[in-house]
Amino acid sequence: MTAAPAPLLVLAWGNPSRGDDALGPLLAERLQAHAKAALPAGRVEFLTDFQLQVEHALDLAGREHVLFVDAATGLDQAFEVRALRPARGGGIGSHALAPEAVLQVYQDLNGHPAPPATLLAIRARSFGLGEAPGPDALSDLAQALAWACGWLQGQAATEALTA
């Protein structure tokens, strides 16, 4: 018998050896350290990968909320947050699978709505192979992390009220 999944899932993706593309996994790593100190064990699970895949739809089962985290170009501010809705497209089976497509795959497989999901996109500038994230990207990461810590605590508080 397997244990129930943690109610909250943080799913971050990016390539740690491609400059600012590491921002998603870096945020997950730092947020996990915060969660260990601030939340009861078993309330949140962290997953990282190089890219989103259809199999990630299976990771959404039993969740109350999912936070998707990735680096993004073209942002005017340090980070952007938006609610996600299931949607077809995004290149299922390709390198460019969108989080909306993961939600759609979940819905198609299970016949019921995917859990509520939020995207946290962190401003990125350079994706050079073998590069570390740049100083501007690390500053943006710190701002995104502060938001994510608040989000995590708010989700846990909401969860405690409804339990």
C-alpha atoms as a PDB file:
ATOM      1  CA  MET A   1       0.000   0.000   0.000  1.00  0.00           C
ATOM      2  CA  THR A   2       1.394   3.387  -0.965  1.00  0.00           C
ATOM      3  CA  ALA A   3       1.010   6.599   0.999  1.00  0.00           C
ATOM      4  CA  ALA A   4      -1.208   9.369  -0.301  1.00  0.00           C
ATOM      5  CA  PRO A   5       0.668  12.021  -2.279  1.00  0.00           C
ATOM      6  CA  ALA A   6       1.478  15.333  -0.643  1.00  0.00           C
ATOM      7  CA  PRO A   7      -1.366  17.796  -1.195  1.00  0.00           C
ATOM      8  CA  LEU A   8       0.975  20.381  -2.742  1.00  0.00           C
ATOM      9  CA  LEU A   9       3.308  19.715  -5.648  1.00  0.00           C
ATOM     10  CA  VAL A  10       6.065  22.004  -6.899  1.00  0.00           C
ATOM     11  CA  LEU A  11       7.098  20.873 -10.383  1.00  0.00           C
ATOM     12  CA  ALA A  12      10.111  22.754 -11.725  1.00  0.00           C
ATOM     13  CA  TRP A  13      12.002  22.183 -14.927  1.00  0.00           C
ATOM     14  CA  GLY A  14      15.120  23.389 -16.663  1.00  0.00           C
ATOM     15  CA  ASN A  15      18.679  22.391 -17.487  1.00  0.00           C
ATOM     16  CA  PRO A  16      21.111  23.253 -14.665  1.00  0.00           C
ATOM     17  CA  SER A  17      24.019  23.381 -17.127  1.00  0.00           C
ATOM     18  CA  ARG A  18      22.426  25.985 -19.449  1.00  0.00           C
ATOM     19  CA  GLY A  19      22.743  29.320 -17.661  1.00  0.00           C
ATOM     20  CA  ASP A  20      19.450  30.871 -16.599  1.00  0.00           C
ATOM     21  CA  ASP A  21      17.576  27.682 -17.581  1.00  0.00           C
ATOM     22  CA  ALA A  22      18.610  26.450 -14.118  1.00  0.00           C
ATOM     23  CA  LEU A  23      16.253  28.910 -12.403  1.00  0.00           C
ATOM     24  CA  GLY A  24      13.323  26.480 -12.064  1.00  0.00           C
ATOM     25  CA  PRO A  25      15.318  23.696 -10.386  1.00  0.00           C
ATOM     26  CA  LEU A  26      17.210  26.257  -8.255  1.00  0.00           C
ATOM     27  CA  LEU A  27      13.963  27.722  -6.979  1.00  0.00           C
ATOM     28  CA  ALA A  28      12.630  24.260  -6.152  1.00  0.00           C
ATOM     29  CA  GLU A  29      15.814  23.419  -4.239  1.00  0.00           C
ATOM     30  CA  ARG A  30      15.692  26.633  -2.203  1.00  0.00           C
ATOM     31  CA  LEU A  31      11.949  26.418  -1.623  1.00  0.00           C
ATOM     32  CA  GLN A  32      12.362  22.854  -0.401  1.00  0.00           C
ATOM     33  CA  ALA A  33      14.836  24.053   2.245  1.00  0.00           C
ATOM     34  CA  HIS A  34      12.276  26.669   3.339  1.00  0.00           C
ATOM     35  CA  ALA A  35       9.481  24.085   3.422  1.00  0.00           C
ATOM     36  CA  LYS A  36      11.470  21.730   5.644  1.00  0.00           C
ATOM     37  CA  ALA A  37      11.788  24.481   8.218  1.00  0.00           C
ATOM     38  CA  ALA A  38       8.300  25.993   7.897  1.00  0.00           C
ATOM     39  CA  LEU A  39       5.845  23.191   7.094  1.00  0.00           C
ATOM     40  CA  PRO A  40       4.930  19.819   8.549  1.00  0.00           C
ATOM     41  CA  ALA A  41       6.507  16.853   6.778  1.00  0.00           C
ATOM     42  CA  GLY A  42       4.474  15.409   3.925  1.00  0.00           C
ATOM     43  CA  ARG A  43       2.620  18.622   2.993  1.00  0.00           C
ATOM     44  CA  VAL A  44       4.571  19.372  -0.174  1.00  0.00           C
ATOM     45  CA  GLU A  45       6.510  17.360  -2.731  1.00  0.00           C
ATOM     46  CA  PHE A  46       9.165  18.760  -5.062  1.00  0.00           C
ATOM     47  CA  LEU A  47       9.910  17.332  -8.494  1.00  0.00           C
ATOM     48  CA  THR A  48      12.463  18.625 -10.976  1.00  0.00           C
ATOM     49  CA  ASP A  49      13.190  17.575 -14.531  1.00  0.00           C
ATOM     50  CA  PHE A  50      14.897  18.865 -17.647  1.00  0.00           C
ATOM     51  CA  GLN A  51      11.565  19.330 -19.440  1.00  0.00           C
ATOM     52  CA  LEU A  52       7.888  18.624 -18.983  1.00  0.00           C
ATOM     53  CA  GLN A  53       6.655  15.307 -20.331  1.00  0.00           C
ATOM     54  CA  VAL A  54       3.239  13.663 -20.627  1.00  0.00           C
ATOM     55  CA  GLU A  55       4.210  11.366 -17.747  1.00  0.00           C
ATOM     56  CA  HIS A  56       4.135  14.360 -15.403  1.00  0.00           C
ATOM     57  CA  ALA A  57       0.348  14.197 -15.652  1.00  0.00           C
ATOM     58  CA  LEU A  58       0.557  11.132 -13.406  1.00  0.00           C
ATOM     59  CA  ASP A  59       2.298  13.227 -10.732  1.00  0.00           C
ATOM     60  CA  LEU A  60      -0.782  15.453 -10.431  1.00  0.00           C
ATOM     61  CA  ALA A  61      -3.008  12.718  -9.017  1.00  0.00           C
ATOM     62  CA  GLY A  62      -4.260  13.391  -5.509  1.00  0.00           C
ATOM     63  CA  ARG A  63      -2.936  16.969  -5.358  1.00  0.00           C
ATOM     64  CA  GLU A  64      -4.811  19.969  -4.053  1.00  0.00           C
ATOM     65  CA  HIS A  65      -2.628  22.467  -5.907  1.00  0.00           C
ATOM     66  CA  VAL A  66       0.354  22.398  -8.258  1.00  0.00           C
ATOM     67  CA  LEU A  67       2.975  25.094  -8.739  1.00  0.00           C
ATOM     68  CA  PHE A  68       4.816  24.841 -12.065  1.00  0.00           C
ATOM     69  CA  VAL A  69       8.154  26.717 -12.111  1.00  0.00           C
ATOM     70  CA  ASP A  70      10.298  27.586 -15.131  1.00  0.00           C
ATOM     71  CA  ALA A  71      12.649  30.203 -16.557  1.00  0.00           C
ATOM     72  CA  ALA A  72      11.100  32.459 -19.192  1.00  0.00           C
ATOM     73  CA  THR A  73      12.372  35.048 -21.637  1.00  0.00           C
ATOM     74  CA  GLY A  74      10.552  38.230 -22.539  1.00  0.00           C
ATOM     75  CA  LEU A  75       9.351  39.160 -19.062  1.00  0.00           C
ATOM     76  CA  ASP A  76       9.333  42.822 -18.047  1.00  0.00           C
ATOM     77  CA  GLN A  77       9.613  42.029 -14.341  1.00  0.00           C
ATOM     78  CA  ALA A  78      11.594  39.583 -12.190  1.00  0.00           C
ATOM     79  CA  PHE A  79       8.858  36.964 -12.343  1.00  0.00           C
ATOM     80  CA  GLU A  80       5.317  36.427 -13.471  1.00  0.00           C
ATOM     81  CA  VAL A  81       2.552  34.386 -11.862  1.00  0.00           C
ATOM     82  CA  ARG A  82      -0.587  33.191 -13.583  1.00  0.00           C
ATOM     83  CA  ALA A  83      -3.274  30.594 -13.131  1.00  0.00           C
ATOM     84  CA  LEU A  84      -3.145  27.700 -15.567  1.00  0.00           C
ATOM     85  CA  ARG A  85      -5.986  25.988 -17.377  1.00  0.00           C
ATOM     86  CA  PRO A  86      -5.850  22.727 -19.315  1.00  0.00           C
ATOM     87  CA  ALA A  87      -5.290  23.208 -23.036  1.00  0.00           C
ATOM     88  CA  ARG A  88      -4.458  21.048 -26.009  1.00  0.00           C
ATOM     89  CA  GLY A  89      -1.270  21.675 -27.906  1.00  0.00           C
ATOM     90  CA  GLY A  90       2.137  22.602 -26.675  1.00  0.00           C
ATOM     91  CA  GLY A  91       3.769  19.810 -28.631  1.00  0.00           C
ATOM     92  CA  ILE A  92       2.815  16.699 -26.694  1.00  0.00           C
ATOM     93  CA  GLY A  93       5.756  14.323 -26.949  1.00  0.00           C
ATOM     94  CA  SER A  94       8.173  17.090 -27.913  1.00  0.00           C
ATOM     95  CA  HIS A  95      10.664  19.248 -26.080  1.00  0.00           C
ATOM     96  CA  ALA A  96       8.153  22.094 -25.845  1.00  0.00           C
ATOM     97  CA  LEU A  97       5.394  20.528 -23.742  1.00  0.00           C
ATOM     98  CA  ALA A  98       3.513  23.309 -21.963  1.00  0.00           C
ATOM     99  CA  PRO A  99       2.159  22.981 -18.417  1.00  0.00           C
ATOM    100  CA  GLU A 100      -1.350  23.526 -19.831  1.00  0.00           C
ATOM    101  CA  ALA A 101      -0.860  20.389 -21.939  1.00  0.00           C
ATOM    102  CA  VAL A 102       0.175  18.396 -18.841  1.00  0.00           C
ATOM    103  CA  LEU A 103      -3.078  19.487 -17.190  1.00  0.00           C
ATOM    104  CA  GLN A 104      -5.027  18.462 -20.304  1.00  0.00           C
ATOM    105  CA  VAL A 105      -3.383  15.022 -20.365  1.00  0.00           C
ATOM    106  CA  TYR A 106      -4.333  14.565 -16.698  1.00  0.00           C
ATOM    107  CA  GLN A 107      -7.936  15.487 -17.465  1.00  0.00           C
ATOM    108  CA  ASP A 108      -8.077  13.201 -20.509  1.00  0.00           C
ATOM    109  CA  LEU A 109      -6.650  10.257 -18.558  1.00  0.00           C
ATOM    110  CA  ASN A 110      -8.766  10.674 -15.454  1.00  0.00           C
ATOM    111  CA  GLY A 111     -12.056  12.019 -16.780  1.00  0.00           C
ATOM    112  CA  HIS A 112     -12.185  14.791 -14.195  1.00  0.00           C
ATOM    113  CA  PRO A 113     -10.591  18.232 -13.807  1.00  0.00           C
ATOM    114  CA  ALA A 114      -6.922  18.605 -13.028  1.00  0.00           C
ATOM    115  CA  PRO A 115      -6.032  20.152  -9.682  1.00  0.00           C
ATOM    116  CA  PRO A 116      -5.731  23.931  -9.575  1.00  0.00           C
ATOM    117  CA  ALA A 117      -2.363  24.981 -10.978  1.00  0.00           C
ATOM    118  CA  THR A 118      -0.223  28.093 -11.039  1.00  0.00           C
ATOM    119  CA  LEU A 119       2.756  28.971 -13.204  1.00  0.00           C
ATOM    120  CA  LEU A 120       5.694  30.851 -11.697  1.00  0.00           C
ATOM    121  CA  ALA A 121       7.871  32.066 -14.577  1.00  0.00           C
ATOM    122  CA  ILE A 122      11.242  33.588 -13.633  1.00  0.00           C
ATOM    123  CA  ARG A 123      12.880  36.106 -15.966  1.00  0.00           C
ATOM    124  CA  ALA A 124      15.793  34.575 -17.888  1.00  0.00           C
ATOM    125  CA  ARG A 125      18.270  36.086 -20.294  1.00  0.00           C
ATOM    126  CA  SER A 126      21.014  33.609 -21.207  1.00  0.00           C
ATOM    127  CA  PHE A 127      20.940  29.863 -21.864  1.00  0.00           C
ATOM    128  CA  GLY A 128      24.567  29.208 -22.805  1.00  0.00           C
ATOM    129  CA  LEU A 129      25.787  25.651 -22.365  1.00  0.00           C
ATOM    130  CA  GLY A 130      28.158  25.364 -19.421  1.00  0.00           C
ATOM    131  CA  GLU A 131      27.211  28.781 -18.043  1.00  0.00           C
ATOM    132  CA  ALA A 132      25.956  29.502 -14.541  1.00  0.00           C
ATOM    133  CA  PRO A 133      22.894  31.697 -14.056  1.00  0.00           C
ATOM    134  CA  GLY A 134      23.792  35.372 -14.379  1.00  0.00           C
ATOM    135  CA  PRO A 135      23.720  37.859 -11.493  1.00  0.00           C
ATOM    136  CA  ASP A 136      20.535  39.528 -12.766  1.00  0.00           C
ATOM    137  CA  ALA A 137      18.836  36.134 -13.021  1.00  0.00           C
ATOM    138  CA  LEU A 138      19.898  35.256  -9.466  1.00  0.00           C
ATOM    139  CA  SER A 139      18.439  38.542  -8.233  1.00  0.00           C
ATOM    140  CA  ASP A 140      15.167  37.727 -10.020  1.00  0.00           C
ATOM    141  CA  LEU A 141      15.306  34.231  -8.515  1.00  0.00           C
ATOM    142  CA  ALA A 142      15.524  35.718  -5.003  1.00  0.00           C
ATOM    143  CA  GLN A 143      12.396  37.792  -5.645  1.00  0.00           C
ATOM    144  CA  ALA A 144      10.535  34.788  -7.069  1.00  0.00           C
ATOM    145  CA  LEU A 145      11.606  32.693  -4.088  1.00  0.00           C
ATOM    146  CA  ALA A 146      10.168  35.245  -1.660  1.00  0.00           C
ATOM    147  CA  TRP A 147       6.848  35.060  -3.525  1.00  0.00           C
ATOM    148  CA  ALA A 148       6.964  31.237  -3.593  1.00  0.00           C
ATOM    149  CA  CYS A 149       7.623  31.033   0.174  1.00  0.00           C
ATOM    150  CA  GLY A 150       4.530  33.148   0.773  1.00  0.00           C
ATOM    151  CA  TRP A 151       2.517  31.053  -1.695  1.00  0.00           C
ATOM    152  CA  LEU A 152       3.560  27.843   0.021  1.00  0.00           C
ATOM    153  CA  GLN A 153       2.660  29.123   3.478  1.00  0.00           C
ATOM    154  CA  GLY A 154      -0.659  30.474   2.185  1.00  0.00           C
ATOM    155  CA  GLN A 155      -1.510  27.145   0.549  1.00  0.00           C
ATOM    156  CA  ALA A 156      -0.607  25.262   3.716  1.00  0.00           C
ATOM    157  CA  ALA A 157      -2.744  27.630   5.813  1.00  0.00           C
ATOM    158  CA  THR A 158      -5.707  27.215   3.455  1.00  0.00           C
ATOM    159  CA  GLU A 159      -5.214  23.472   3.554  1.00  0.00           C
ATOM    160  CA  ALA A 160      -5.229  23.450   7.371  1.00  0.00           C
ATOM    161  CA  LEU A 161      -8.511  25.397   7.432  1.00  0.00           C
ATOM    162  CA  THR A 162     -10.236  22.947   5.106  1.00  0.00           C
ATOM    163  CA  ALA A 163      -8.893  19.790   6.781  1.00  0.00           C
END
